[in-house]
């Protein structure tokens, strides 16, 4: 269903050029503020979790690349858990995503 909707919107995508950049900037800033409000939901009692979340948020902004920020967040979570001796708290899915993102980034496929 989602694929069909993407195909439908493909033909309407040229209409997005009718909206000037200065009109989209406030909307993007508002979305950024909404995302930033989730930082207060981080568990600051757990240093590794808090550091991974903050690294992710900060590097998405600093690099202007979501893939880089998420890769650094996931990899710092895995590395932090291993070095702090809390590797049992790691989920296999988290480790697989971290490895895949590091390989994706190291392979040069990230923008």
N, C-alpha and C. Protein backbone atom coordinates (compact mmCIF):
# COMPACT_ATOMS: atom_id res chain seq x y z
N UNK A 1 0.82 -1.19 0.00
CA UNK A 1 0.00 0.00 0.00
C UNK A 1 0.86 1.26 0.00
N UNK A 2 1.90 1.25 0.84
CA UNK A 2 2.78 2.42 0.92
C UNK A 2 3.50 2.62 -0.41
N UNK A 3 3.92 1.52 -1.03
CA UNK A 3 4.59 1.61 -2.32
C UNK A 3 3.70 2.23 -3.39
N UNK A 4 2.44 1.89 -3.36
CA UNK A 4 1.50 2.47 -4.33
C UNK A 4 1.32 3.97 -4.09
N UNK A 5 1.29 4.35 -2.83
CA UNK A 5 1.17 5.78 -2.53
C UNK A 5 2.42 6.54 -2.95
N UNK A 6 3.60 5.92 -2.80
CA UNK A 6 4.83 6.55 -3.27
C UNK A 6 4.80 6.71 -4.79
N UNK A 7 4.31 5.71 -5.49
CA UNK A 7 4.20 5.83 -6.95
C UNK A 7 3.23 6.94 -7.34
N UNK A 8 2.15 7.08 -6.60
CA UNK A 8 1.19 8.13 -6.88
C UNK A 8 1.79 9.51 -6.67
N UNK A 9 2.52 9.68 -5.58
CA UNK A 9 3.08 10.99 -5.26
C UNK A 9 4.26 11.33 -6.16
N UNK A 10 4.84 10.33 -6.81
CA UNK A 10 5.96 10.57 -7.73
C UNK A 10 5.57 11.54 -8.83
N UNK A 11 4.36 11.44 -9.31
CA UNK A 11 3.91 12.32 -10.38
C UNK A 11 3.56 13.72 -9.87
N UNK A 12 3.30 13.84 -8.59
CA UNK A 12 2.96 15.13 -8.01
C UNK A 12 4.17 15.85 -7.41
N UNK A 13 5.31 15.19 -7.35
CA UNK A 13 6.49 15.78 -6.71
C UNK A 13 6.98 17.07 -7.36
N UNK A 14 6.85 17.27 -8.68
CA UNK A 14 7.28 18.57 -9.24
C UNK A 14 6.53 19.77 -8.66
N UNK A 15 5.37 19.54 -8.09
CA UNK A 15 4.63 20.64 -7.47
C UNK A 15 5.35 21.19 -6.25
N UNK A 16 6.25 20.42 -5.66
CA UNK A 16 6.97 20.89 -4.48
C UNK A 16 7.88 22.07 -4.81
N UNK A 17 8.27 22.22 -6.08
CA UNK A 17 9.13 23.34 -6.47
C UNK A 17 8.37 24.67 -6.47
N UNK A 18 7.07 24.63 -6.36
CA UNK A 18 6.28 25.86 -6.30
C UNK A 18 6.40 26.54 -4.94
N UNK A 19 6.80 25.78 -3.92
CA UNK A 19 6.93 26.34 -2.57
C UNK A 19 8.37 26.82 -2.41
N UNK A 20 8.57 28.12 -2.15
CA UNK A 20 9.94 28.65 -2.02
C UNK A 20 10.60 28.16 -0.73
N UNK A 21 11.92 28.19 -0.74
CA UNK A 21 12.70 27.69 0.40
C UNK A 21 12.39 28.48 1.67
N UNK A 22 12.23 29.79 1.54
CA UNK A 22 11.97 30.59 2.74
C UNK A 22 10.62 30.27 3.37
N UNK A 23 9.76 29.60 2.65
CA UNK A 23 8.48 29.19 3.23
C UNK A 23 8.59 27.87 3.98
N UNK A 24 9.56 27.05 3.61
CA UNK A 24 9.71 25.76 4.29
C UNK A 24 10.62 25.84 5.51
N UNK A 25 11.45 26.87 5.59
CA UNK A 25 12.40 26.98 6.70
C UNK A 25 11.71 27.03 8.06
N UNK A 26 10.66 27.83 8.26
CA UNK A 26 10.01 27.82 9.58
C UNK A 26 9.42 26.46 9.95
N UNK A 27 8.90 25.75 8.98
CA UNK A 27 8.35 24.42 9.27
C UNK A 27 9.45 23.46 9.70
N UNK A 28 10.60 23.54 9.03
CA UNK A 28 11.72 22.67 9.41
C UNK A 28 12.26 23.04 10.79
N UNK A 29 12.28 24.33 11.11
CA UNK A 29 12.74 24.74 12.44
C UNK A 29 11.78 24.24 13.52
N UNK A 30 10.49 24.27 13.24
CA UNK A 30 9.51 23.78 14.20
C UNK A 30 9.67 22.27 14.41
N UNK A 31 9.88 21.54 13.34
CA UNK A 31 10.11 20.09 13.46
C UNK A 31 11.37 19.83 14.27
N UNK A 32 12.41 20.63 14.05
CA UNK A 32 13.64 20.48 14.83
C UNK A 32 13.41 20.73 16.32
N UNK A 33 12.61 21.73 16.65
CA UNK A 33 12.28 21.98 18.05
C UNK A 33 11.48 20.84 18.66
N UNK A 34 10.57 20.27 17.88
CA UNK A 34 9.81 19.12 18.38
C UNK A 34 10.74 17.94 18.64
N UNK A 35 11.72 17.75 17.77
CA UNK A 35 12.66 16.65 17.97
C UNK A 35 13.55 16.93 19.18
N UNK A 36 13.92 18.18 19.37
CA UNK A 36 14.78 18.53 20.50
C UNK A 36 14.08 18.34 21.83
N UNK A 37 12.77 18.47 21.86
CA UNK A 37 12.04 18.28 23.12
C UNK A 37 12.13 16.84 23.62
N UNK A 38 12.44 15.90 22.74
CA UNK A 38 12.59 14.51 23.16
C UNK A 38 13.88 14.26 23.93
N UNK A 39 14.82 15.21 23.90
CA UNK A 39 16.05 15.05 24.66
C UNK A 39 15.75 14.99 26.16
N UNK A 40 14.70 15.64 26.60
CA UNK A 40 14.35 15.61 28.02
C UNK A 40 13.89 14.23 28.46
N UNK A 41 13.52 13.38 27.51
CA UNK A 41 13.05 12.03 27.84
C UNK A 41 14.19 11.03 27.96
N UNK A 42 15.43 11.47 27.74
CA UNK A 42 16.57 10.56 27.89
C UNK A 42 16.76 10.22 29.36
N UNK A 43 17.22 9.00 29.60
CA UNK A 43 17.50 8.54 30.97
C UNK A 43 18.91 8.98 31.33
N UNK A 44 19.03 10.13 32.01
CA UNK A 44 20.34 10.66 32.35
C UNK A 44 20.98 9.92 33.53
N UNK A 45 20.25 9.01 34.17
CA UNK A 45 20.84 8.18 35.21
C UNK A 45 21.73 7.11 34.60
N UNK A 46 21.45 6.73 33.37
CA UNK A 46 22.27 5.76 32.65
C UNK A 46 23.16 6.54 31.69
N UNK A 47 24.45 6.64 32.03
CA UNK A 47 25.37 7.48 31.27
C UNK A 47 25.49 7.03 29.82
N UNK A 48 25.55 5.73 29.58
CA UNK A 48 25.74 5.22 28.22
C UNK A 48 24.53 5.56 27.35
N UNK A 49 23.34 5.36 27.86
CA UNK A 49 22.13 5.70 27.10
C UNK A 49 22.07 7.20 26.80
N UNK A 50 22.34 8.01 27.81
CA UNK A 50 22.27 9.45 27.62
C UNK A 50 23.32 9.93 26.63
N UNK A 51 24.53 9.40 26.73
CA UNK A 51 25.60 9.83 25.83
C UNK A 51 25.30 9.41 24.39
N UNK A 52 24.77 8.22 24.20
CA UNK A 52 24.44 7.76 22.85
C UNK A 52 23.34 8.63 22.25
N UNK A 53 22.32 8.94 23.02
CA UNK A 53 21.24 9.79 22.52
C UNK A 53 21.70 11.20 22.20
N UNK A 54 22.52 11.75 23.07
CA UNK A 54 23.02 13.11 22.83
C UNK A 54 23.97 13.15 21.64
N UNK A 55 24.84 12.15 21.52
CA UNK A 55 25.73 12.09 20.35
C UNK A 55 24.94 12.01 19.06
N UNK A 56 23.91 11.21 19.08
CA UNK A 56 23.06 11.07 17.90
C UNK A 56 22.43 12.42 17.54
N UNK A 57 21.83 13.07 18.49
CA UNK A 57 21.15 14.34 18.23
C UNK A 57 22.12 15.43 17.79
N UNK A 58 23.26 15.52 18.47
CA UNK A 58 24.22 16.58 18.16
C UNK A 58 24.84 16.38 16.78
N UNK A 59 25.20 15.14 16.46
CA UNK A 59 25.88 14.92 15.18
C UNK A 59 24.93 14.92 13.99
N UNK A 60 23.65 14.70 14.21
CA UNK A 60 22.70 14.90 13.11
C UNK A 60 22.70 16.38 12.72
N UNK A 61 22.75 17.25 13.72
CA UNK A 61 22.75 18.68 13.45
C UNK A 61 24.09 19.14 12.90
N UNK A 62 25.19 18.71 13.51
CA UNK A 62 26.51 19.19 13.10
C UNK A 62 26.93 18.71 11.72
N UNK A 63 26.56 17.49 11.37
CA UNK A 63 26.97 16.97 10.06
C UNK A 63 25.91 17.19 8.99
N UNK A 64 24.73 17.63 9.38
CA UNK A 64 23.60 17.78 8.45
C UNK A 64 23.32 16.47 7.72
N UNK A 65 23.54 15.36 8.40
CA UNK A 65 23.37 14.05 7.80
C UNK A 65 22.77 13.12 8.86
N UNK A 66 21.57 12.66 8.61
CA UNK A 66 20.89 11.80 9.57
C UNK A 66 21.60 10.47 9.74
N UNK A 67 22.11 9.92 8.63
CA UNK A 67 22.77 8.61 8.69
C UNK A 67 23.99 8.67 9.59
N UNK A 68 24.78 9.72 9.48
CA UNK A 68 25.98 9.85 10.30
C UNK A 68 25.62 9.96 11.78
N UNK A 69 24.63 10.76 12.10
CA UNK A 69 24.22 10.91 13.50
C UNK A 69 23.69 9.63 14.10
N UNK A 70 22.85 8.93 13.36
CA UNK A 70 22.30 7.68 13.87
C UNK A 70 23.39 6.62 13.98
N UNK A 71 24.31 6.59 13.01
CA UNK A 71 25.41 5.63 13.07
C UNK A 71 26.27 5.88 14.31
N UNK A 72 26.58 7.14 14.58
CA UNK A 72 27.39 7.44 15.76
C UNK A 72 26.65 7.13 17.05
N UNK A 73 25.34 7.37 17.07
CA UNK A 73 24.55 7.05 18.26
C UNK A 73 24.51 5.56 18.54
N UNK A 74 24.22 4.76 17.51
CA UNK A 74 24.15 3.31 17.69
C UNK A 74 25.52 2.74 18.03
N UNK A 75 26.56 3.18 17.32
CA UNK A 75 27.89 2.61 17.58
C UNK A 75 28.40 3.02 18.95
N UNK A 76 28.12 4.26 19.39
CA UNK A 76 28.56 4.65 20.73
C UNK A 76 27.79 3.89 21.81
N UNK A 77 26.54 3.54 21.55
CA UNK A 77 25.78 2.74 22.51
C UNK A 77 26.39 1.35 22.64
N UNK A 78 26.71 0.72 21.52
CA UNK A 78 27.30 -0.62 21.56
C UNK A 78 28.68 -0.58 22.20
N UNK A 79 29.51 0.36 21.79
CA UNK A 79 30.87 0.46 22.35
C UNK A 79 30.80 0.80 23.84
N UNK A 80 29.91 1.71 24.22
CA UNK A 80 29.77 2.07 25.63
C UNK A 80 29.32 0.91 26.49
N UNK A 81 28.37 0.12 25.98
CA UNK A 81 27.90 -1.05 26.74
C UNK A 81 29.00 -2.10 26.87
N UNK A 82 29.78 -2.30 25.83
CA UNK A 82 30.85 -3.31 25.89
C UNK A 82 31.93 -2.87 26.87
N UNK A 83 32.38 -1.62 26.79
CA UNK A 83 33.46 -1.16 27.65
C UNK A 83 33.03 -0.96 29.10
N UNK A 84 31.75 -0.73 29.34
CA UNK A 84 31.28 -0.58 30.72
C UNK A 84 30.92 -1.92 31.36
N UNK A 85 31.04 -3.00 30.60
CA UNK A 85 30.74 -4.33 31.12
C UNK A 85 29.26 -4.65 31.13
N UNK A 86 28.47 -3.85 30.47
CA UNK A 86 27.02 -4.06 30.43
C UNK A 86 26.59 -4.66 29.09
N UNK A 87 27.41 -5.48 28.50
CA UNK A 87 27.12 -6.01 27.17
C UNK A 87 25.88 -6.91 27.17
N UNK A 88 25.49 -7.42 28.34
CA UNK A 88 24.29 -8.27 28.41
C UNK A 88 23.01 -7.46 28.18
N UNK A 89 23.09 -6.16 28.38
CA UNK A 89 21.92 -5.30 28.17
C UNK A 89 21.72 -4.97 26.69
N UNK A 90 22.67 -5.37 25.85
CA UNK A 90 22.55 -5.09 24.42
C UNK A 90 21.56 -6.03 23.77
N UNK A 91 20.77 -5.49 22.90
CA UNK A 91 19.83 -6.25 22.10
C UNK A 91 20.54 -6.67 20.81
N UNK A 92 20.27 -7.87 20.32
CA UNK A 92 20.93 -8.33 19.10
C UNK A 92 20.57 -7.43 17.92
N UNK A 93 19.36 -6.89 17.92
CA UNK A 93 18.95 -5.98 16.85
C UNK A 93 19.76 -4.69 16.86
N UNK A 94 20.05 -4.18 18.06
CA UNK A 94 20.86 -2.97 18.19
C UNK A 94 22.25 -3.20 17.64
N UNK A 95 22.83 -4.34 17.98
CA UNK A 95 24.18 -4.65 17.50
C UNK A 95 24.18 -4.81 15.98
N UNK A 96 23.18 -5.50 15.44
CA UNK A 96 23.12 -5.69 13.99
C UNK A 96 22.94 -4.35 13.26
N UNK A 97 22.10 -3.49 13.78
CA UNK A 97 21.91 -2.18 13.16
C UNK A 97 23.20 -1.36 13.23
N UNK A 98 23.89 -1.40 14.37
CA UNK A 98 25.14 -0.66 14.51
C UNK A 98 26.19 -1.16 13.52
N UNK A 99 26.31 -2.48 13.40
CA UNK A 99 27.29 -3.05 12.46
C UNK A 99 26.92 -2.68 11.03
N UNK A 100 25.64 -2.77 10.70
CA UNK A 100 25.21 -2.44 9.33
C UNK A 100 25.46 -0.96 9.02
N UNK A 101 25.19 -0.08 9.98
CA UNK A 101 25.41 1.34 9.74
C UNK A 101 26.88 1.68 9.61
N UNK A 102 27.72 1.06 10.44
CA UNK A 102 29.16 1.30 10.33
C UNK A 102 29.68 0.79 8.99
N UNK A 103 29.22 -0.39 8.56
CA UNK A 103 29.63 -0.91 7.25
C UNK A 103 29.13 -0.02 6.13
N UNK A 104 27.90 0.47 6.25
CA UNK A 104 27.33 1.37 5.26
C UNK A 104 28.15 2.65 5.15
N UNK A 105 28.55 3.19 6.29
CA UNK A 105 29.32 4.42 6.32
C UNK A 105 30.76 4.19 5.86
N UNK A 106 31.38 3.10 6.34
CA UNK A 106 32.77 2.80 5.97
C UNK A 106 32.88 2.42 4.50
N UNK A 107 31.84 1.83 3.95
CA UNK A 107 31.86 1.45 2.54
C UNK A 107 31.71 2.63 1.60
N UNK A 108 31.41 3.80 2.13
CA UNK A 108 31.29 4.98 1.31
C UNK A 108 29.92 5.16 0.68
N UNK A 109 28.93 4.40 1.15
CA UNK A 109 27.60 4.51 0.56
C UNK A 109 26.79 5.64 1.19
N UNK A 110 27.22 6.13 2.35
CA UNK A 110 26.51 7.24 2.98
C UNK A 110 26.86 8.53 2.23
N UNK A 111 25.93 9.43 2.21
CA UNK A 111 26.15 10.69 1.48
C UNK A 111 27.13 11.55 2.24
